[in-house]
Amino acid sequence: MGYANLRELQTALTTASDIASALQSAPTRRDADQLVDVLRRALTAASSLGAETGPTGCAIHPHGAVDPLYGDPEDPLPPGYGKCLLCNDRRRRADAHHPHPRPHAHAYPLRRRRLSA
C-alpha cells in the first residue's frame, strides 16, 4: 500500500462527503455526475491499496509463483508455509538440511566411570 494511494482515497472520500453535504433537496444531473465521478475515483483508489501483494501474498515475491501444494487436502503444507513457491522452497531446503543438527539422543545412556580420589 503506497502513501499516494491512501492519500488519494482520503481526498476522494472527503470530496464526496463535501459534495453530498452540499446537495439540495433536488440535485441537478451535474451534481449527481460529479458525485459519481468522485466515488469512482475513491473506489479505484481503495482497490489499489491491496494490489501490491500479488497472487502469492508474499512481501518479498509478490508476483512469484504460487505453490501447487497450497490448499491441497491430500498433501497439505506444514504449518507456517504460505502461497509463495519461492519462500516455501527455501523453507523446504532449510528443513532438509539443518546447518546445526541437534545431537541425537543415544539409545543407551552413556555410562560414566567414576574416578577414585
Foldseek 3Di string as FASTA:
>chain_A
DDPVLVVQLVVLVVVLVVLVVPADPDRDPVSVVVSVVSVVSNVVSVVVPPVQQAPFNDPVCSPAAFPPQDPPPVDHDDPPDTGHPVVSVVVVVCVVDPPDDDDDDDPDDDDDDDDDD
